[in-house]
């Protein structure tokens, strides 16, 4: 018995359809390393809405945002201000410090006992972000690193001298050292 041409044709068509379906539903190849990042990842070359750009100034290892200016910088404290939102500045600070506790309040956001990631690792800072006048936002960075204890070999006179005083508590006159 020879198969009828229509039955053979139907069998060939069914095999071809099965092959085509399997080929079309093949799993997609794994993404390569150069594939575009996931939508939730932050773009490398663009700023997100309300994200602040890094400026050129650095205070205590903290990179000052571009739209902020340094009002004053001293040995233990720095004052900055700029025309940015407090929320954007707080987010900017959060990315650049390591901190265990953040106090978020109506008047300010405080980063207590923070380490600036690009700063000296032994230094500890209190950082406060607060709204200022005329749409300005203020940032205060205060060094709160504990002073090292006086060495045991120092006597009381040496300790007073280190504090800029005589043993009786009066200020040291520079002429005393000539």
Protein backbone atom coordinates (compact mmCIF):
# COMPACT_ATOMS: atom_id res chain seq x y z
CA UNK A 1 0.00 0.00 0.00
CA UNK A 2 1.28 3.38 -0.95
CA UNK A 3 0.34 6.36 1.08
CA UNK A 4 -1.94 8.80 -0.53
CA UNK A 5 -0.31 12.11 -1.56
CA UNK A 6 -2.68 14.16 0.60
CA UNK A 7 -1.80 12.15 3.73
CA UNK A 8 1.93 12.48 3.03
CA UNK A 9 1.50 16.19 2.39
CA UNK A 10 -0.40 16.61 5.67
CA UNK A 11 2.30 14.72 7.57
CA UNK A 12 5.06 16.85 6.01
CA UNK A 13 3.14 20.08 6.75
CA UNK A 14 2.64 19.03 10.41
CA UNK A 15 6.36 18.27 10.85
CA UNK A 16 7.30 21.59 9.29
CA UNK A 17 4.86 23.48 11.54
CA UNK A 18 6.21 21.73 14.65
CA UNK A 19 9.78 22.55 13.65
CA UNK A 20 8.87 26.19 12.99
CA UNK A 21 7.08 26.54 16.34
CA UNK A 22 10.02 25.13 18.27
CA UNK A 23 12.41 27.39 16.45
CA UNK A 24 10.33 30.52 17.18
CA UNK A 25 10.00 29.73 20.88
CA UNK A 26 13.67 29.07 21.51
CA UNK A 27 14.91 30.70 24.72
CA UNK A 28 16.54 34.07 24.31
CA UNK A 29 20.33 34.12 24.68
CA UNK A 30 21.63 35.47 28.02
CA UNK A 31 22.27 39.23 28.00
CA UNK A 32 25.83 40.22 27.29
CA UNK A 33 27.92 42.47 29.50
CA UNK A 34 27.32 45.36 27.12
CA UNK A 35 23.54 45.09 27.40
CA UNK A 36 21.69 48.16 28.62
CA UNK A 37 21.30 48.40 32.42
CA UNK A 38 18.07 47.64 34.24
CA UNK A 39 15.68 50.60 34.38
CA UNK A 40 16.06 50.89 38.17
CA UNK A 41 19.83 51.37 37.92
CA UNK A 42 21.01 54.97 38.01
CA UNK A 43 22.30 56.15 34.61
CA UNK A 44 26.02 56.75 34.60
CA UNK A 45 26.03 59.78 32.33
CA UNK A 46 22.89 61.60 33.47
CA UNK A 47 21.58 63.04 36.69
CA UNK A 48 18.25 61.91 38.05
CA UNK A 49 15.62 64.61 38.65
CA UNK A 50 16.64 66.80 41.61
CA UNK A 51 20.04 65.07 41.87
CA UNK A 52 22.93 67.42 42.63
CA UNK A 53 26.11 67.47 40.61
CA UNK A 54 29.55 67.25 42.23
CA UNK A 55 31.40 70.56 42.29
CA UNK A 56 35.10 71.41 42.44
CA UNK A 57 35.43 72.33 46.14
CA UNK A 58 36.23 69.79 48.84
CA UNK A 59 35.75 70.37 52.57
CA UNK A 60 37.00 67.73 55.06
CA UNK A 61 37.00 65.27 52.13
CA UNK A 62 33.36 66.10 51.33
CA UNK A 63 32.77 67.05 47.70
CA UNK A 64 30.72 70.24 47.71
CA UNK A 65 27.75 70.15 45.29
CA UNK A 66 28.05 72.41 42.27
CA UNK A 67 25.29 74.89 43.20
CA UNK A 68 26.56 75.34 46.77
CA UNK A 69 29.18 77.78 47.99
CA UNK A 70 31.40 77.74 51.05
CA UNK A 71 30.47 80.63 53.37
CA UNK A 72 33.20 79.81 55.86
CA UNK A 73 35.62 77.00 56.59
CA UNK A 74 37.49 76.73 59.84
CA UNK A 75 39.53 74.10 61.64
CA UNK A 76 36.52 72.26 63.09
CA UNK A 77 33.47 73.56 61.20
CA UNK A 78 32.42 74.53 57.68
CA UNK A 79 29.33 76.51 56.61
CA UNK A 80 27.90 76.12 53.12
CA UNK A 81 24.78 77.41 51.37
CA UNK A 82 23.17 77.13 47.98
CA UNK A 83 20.01 77.40 45.96
CA UNK A 84 19.06 73.71 46.19
CA UNK A 85 16.23 71.88 47.91
CA UNK A 86 16.89 70.46 51.38
CA UNK A 87 15.71 67.03 50.20
CA UNK A 88 18.14 66.98 47.25
CA UNK A 89 21.01 68.09 49.50
CA UNK A 90 20.15 65.49 52.17
CA UNK A 91 20.16 62.77 49.49
CA UNK A 92 23.49 64.05 48.18
CA UNK A 93 25.00 63.93 51.69
CA UNK A 94 23.54 60.46 52.34
CA UNK A 95 25.46 59.06 49.33
CA UNK A 96 28.77 60.49 50.53
CA UNK A 97 28.80 59.56 54.21
CA UNK A 98 28.68 56.43 56.32
CA UNK A 99 26.35 56.95 59.23
CA UNK A 100 24.35 54.80 61.63
CA UNK A 101 21.77 57.39 62.60
CA UNK A 102 19.97 60.08 60.62
CA UNK A 103 17.45 62.40 62.29
CA UNK A 104 14.88 63.72 59.83
CA UNK A 105 12.81 66.55 61.22
CA UNK A 106 10.62 69.39 60.05
CA UNK A 107 13.40 71.94 60.52
CA UNK A 108 16.48 69.96 59.49
CA UNK A 109 18.10 66.63 58.66
CA UNK A 110 21.01 65.62 60.91
CA UNK A 111 23.66 63.02 60.18
CA UNK A 112 25.19 62.33 63.58
CA UNK A 113 28.66 60.87 64.06
CA UNK A 114 29.16 60.37 60.32
CA UNK A 115 32.32 59.38 58.46
CA UNK A 116 32.87 61.14 55.16
CA UNK A 117 33.69 58.40 52.65
CA UNK A 118 36.49 60.36 50.95
CA UNK A 119 37.68 62.02 54.16
CA UNK A 120 40.07 60.95 56.88
CA UNK A 121 38.81 57.62 58.27
CA UNK A 122 39.49 58.55 61.90
CA UNK A 123 37.45 61.76 61.74
CA UNK A 124 33.83 61.94 62.93
CA UNK A 125 31.41 64.68 61.84
CA UNK A 126 27.95 65.96 62.64
CA UNK A 127 26.33 67.20 59.43
CA UNK A 128 23.14 69.26 59.35
CA UNK A 129 21.02 70.20 56.34
CA UNK A 130 18.44 72.92 56.95
CA UNK A 131 16.39 75.38 54.92
CA UNK A 132 17.72 78.92 54.96
CA UNK A 133 16.39 82.27 53.83
CA UNK A 134 15.29 83.14 50.27
CA UNK A 135 15.09 79.57 48.90
CA UNK A 136 18.60 78.80 50.11
CA UNK A 137 19.61 75.61 51.91
CA UNK A 138 22.34 75.56 54.53
CA UNK A 139 24.81 72.78 55.25
CA UNK A 140 26.95 72.70 58.40
CA UNK A 141 29.75 70.16 58.75
CA UNK A 142 31.18 70.01 62.28
CA UNK A 143 34.20 67.91 63.27
CA UNK A 144 33.27 66.15 66.53
CA UNK A 145 36.23 63.77 66.67
CA UNK A 146 37.16 63.28 70.34
CA UNK A 147 40.50 64.78 71.30
CA UNK A 148 43.14 62.19 72.10
CA UNK A 149 43.96 61.92 75.79
CA UNK A 150 47.11 63.61 76.99
CA UNK A 151 50.09 61.29 77.09
CA UNK A 152 50.90 59.95 80.55
CA UNK A 153 54.41 61.45 80.45
CA UNK A 154 53.03 65.03 80.36
CA UNK A 155 53.00 66.88 83.65
CA UNK A 156 50.41 69.47 84.63
CA UNK A 157 52.54 72.42 83.44
CA UNK A 158 52.88 70.81 79.98
CA UNK A 159 49.12 70.26 79.79
CA UNK A 160 48.44 73.90 80.61
CA UNK A 161 51.03 75.00 78.01
CA UNK A 162 49.35 72.77 75.39
CA UNK A 163 46.09 74.58 76.15
CA UNK A 164 47.84 77.96 75.66
CA UNK A 165 47.82 78.82 79.37
CA UNK A 166 50.19 79.17 82.31
CA UNK A 167 49.69 76.84 85.31
CA UNK A 168 47.70 79.60 87.05
CA UNK A 169 45.26 79.69 84.07
CA UNK A 170 46.35 83.01 82.58
CA UNK A 171 47.02 83.11 78.83
CA UNK A 172 50.60 82.53 77.72
CA UNK A 173 52.25 85.65 76.36
CA UNK A 174 54.22 85.01 73.15
CA UNK A 175 57.04 87.10 74.60
CA UNK A 176 57.52 84.38 77.26
CA UNK A 177 59.05 82.12 74.58
CA UNK A 178 61.79 84.51 73.40
